[in-house]
Amino acid sequence: MNAANEIAVAAFLNTDIRFVDIPKVVNETLSAMGHADSHTLDDLLAVDMEARQVARKMVGTC
């Protein structure tokens, strides 16, 4: 969730999306990600990277 929020806020600050689009990007990213079992730091970093990629795609559709 934090990764998607960081991408969305950065896009807002760059005037790529509107403020009201931030929760949309976060929610749609979370929906697209599903559930992941993260047992190691590498697992968490991989999920974070994937969430950032998904959020960047969401920003492009706003």
C-alpha atoms as a PDB file:
ATOM      1  CA  MET A   1       0.000   0.000   0.000  1.00  0.00           C
ATOM      2  CA  ASN A   2       2.778   2.431   0.847  1.00  0.00           C
ATOM      3  CA  ALA A   3       4.506   1.829  -2.478  1.00  0.00           C
ATOM      4  CA  ALA A   4       1.321   2.662  -4.401  1.00  0.00           C
ATOM      5  CA  ASN A   5       0.753   5.740  -2.262  1.00  0.00           C
ATOM      6  CA  GLU A   6       4.297   6.980  -2.883  1.00  0.00           C
ATOM      7  CA  ILE A   7       3.854   6.624  -6.641  1.00  0.00           C
ATOM      8  CA  ALA A   8       0.441   8.311  -6.582  1.00  0.00           C
ATOM      9  CA  VAL A   9       1.599  11.235  -4.426  1.00  0.00           C
ATOM     10  CA  ALA A  10       4.648  11.757  -6.630  1.00  0.00           C
ATOM     11  CA  ALA A  11       2.400  11.780  -9.696  1.00  0.00           C
ATOM     12  CA  PHE A  12       0.138  14.336  -8.007  1.00  0.00           C
ATOM     13  CA  LEU A  13       3.077  16.554  -7.103  1.00  0.00           C
ATOM     14  CA  ASN A  14       4.235  16.356 -10.732  1.00  0.00           C
ATOM     15  CA  THR A  15       0.681  17.333 -11.770  1.00  0.00           C
ATOM     16  CA  ASP A  16       0.268  14.037 -13.629  1.00  0.00           C
ATOM     17  CA  ILE A  17      -2.894  13.156 -11.656  1.00  0.00           C
ATOM     18  CA  ARG A  18      -5.434  15.019  -9.560  1.00  0.00           C
ATOM     19  CA  PHE A  19      -5.448  14.838  -5.765  1.00  0.00           C
ATOM     20  CA  VAL A  20      -8.704  12.859  -5.828  1.00  0.00           C
ATOM     21  CA  ASP A  21      -7.005  10.207  -7.998  1.00  0.00           C
ATOM     22  CA  ILE A  22      -4.546   9.213  -5.261  1.00  0.00           C
ATOM     23  CA  PRO A  23      -6.949   6.831  -3.449  1.00  0.00           C
ATOM     24  CA  LYS A  24      -8.062   5.406  -6.796  1.00  0.00           C
ATOM     25  CA  VAL A  25      -4.466   4.497  -7.683  1.00  0.00           C
ATOM     26  CA  VAL A  26      -3.861   2.957  -4.247  1.00  0.00           C
ATOM     27  CA  ASN A  27      -7.121   0.962  -4.235  1.00  0.00           C
ATOM     28  CA  GLU A  28      -6.712  -0.326  -7.775  1.00  0.00           C
ATOM     29  CA  THR A  29      -3.105  -1.300  -7.096  1.00  0.00           C
ATOM     30  CA  LEU A  30      -4.128  -3.228  -3.979  1.00  0.00           C
ATOM     31  CA  SER A  31      -6.904  -4.967  -5.922  1.00  0.00           C
ATOM     32  CA  ALA A  32      -4.522  -5.936  -8.690  1.00  0.00           C
ATOM     33  CA  MET A  33      -1.884  -7.259  -6.290  1.00  0.00           C
ATOM     34  CA  GLY A  34      -3.956  -9.786  -4.399  1.00  0.00           C
ATOM     35  CA  HIS A  35      -2.433 -11.586  -1.411  1.00  0.00           C
ATOM     36  CA  ALA A  36       1.249 -12.463  -1.252  1.00  0.00           C
ATOM     37  CA  ASP A  37       3.026 -14.495   1.385  1.00  0.00           C
ATOM     38  CA  SER A  38       6.134 -12.536   2.267  1.00  0.00           C
ATOM     39  CA  HIS A  39       8.477 -14.445   4.512  1.00  0.00           C
ATOM     40  CA  THR A  40      11.786 -12.838   3.684  1.00  0.00           C
ATOM     41  CA  LEU A  41      13.132  -9.394   2.943  1.00  0.00           C
ATOM     42  CA  ASP A  42      13.604 -10.433  -0.680  1.00  0.00           C
ATOM     43  CA  ASP A  43       9.903 -11.389  -0.853  1.00  0.00           C
ATOM     44  CA  LEU A  44       8.887  -8.004   0.535  1.00  0.00           C
ATOM     45  CA  LEU A  45      11.153  -6.127  -1.850  1.00  0.00           C
ATOM     46  CA  ALA A  46       9.754  -8.068  -4.811  1.00  0.00           C
ATOM     47  CA  VAL A  47       6.166  -7.269  -3.792  1.00  0.00           C
ATOM     48  CA  ASP A  48       7.100  -3.614  -3.297  1.00  0.00           C
ATOM     49  CA  MET A  49       8.654  -3.454  -6.769  1.00  0.00           C
ATOM     50  CA  GLU A  50       5.618  -5.102  -8.343  1.00  0.00           C
ATOM     51  CA  ALA A  51       3.229  -2.723  -6.550  1.00  0.00           C
ATOM     52  CA  ARG A  52       5.221   0.262  -7.808  1.00  0.00           C
ATOM     53  CA  GLN A  53       5.007  -1.038 -11.380  1.00  0.00           C
ATOM     54  CA  VAL A  54       1.257  -1.586 -11.096  1.00  0.00           C
ATOM     55  CA  ALA A  55       0.763   1.876  -9.581  1.00  0.00           C
ATOM     56  CA  ARG A  56       2.790   3.498 -12.366  1.00  0.00           C
ATOM     57  CA  LYS A  57       0.491   1.857 -14.909  1.00  0.00           C
ATOM     58  CA  MET A  58      -2.553   3.116 -12.949  1.00  0.00           C
ATOM     59  CA  VAL A  59      -1.144   6.645 -12.961  1.00  0.00           C
ATOM     60  CA  GLY A  60      -0.873   6.438 -16.724  1.00  0.00           C
ATOM     61  CA  THR A  61      -4.604   5.707 -17.026  1.00  0.00           C
ATOM     62  CA  CYS A  62      -5.823   8.582 -14.814  1.00  0.00           C
END
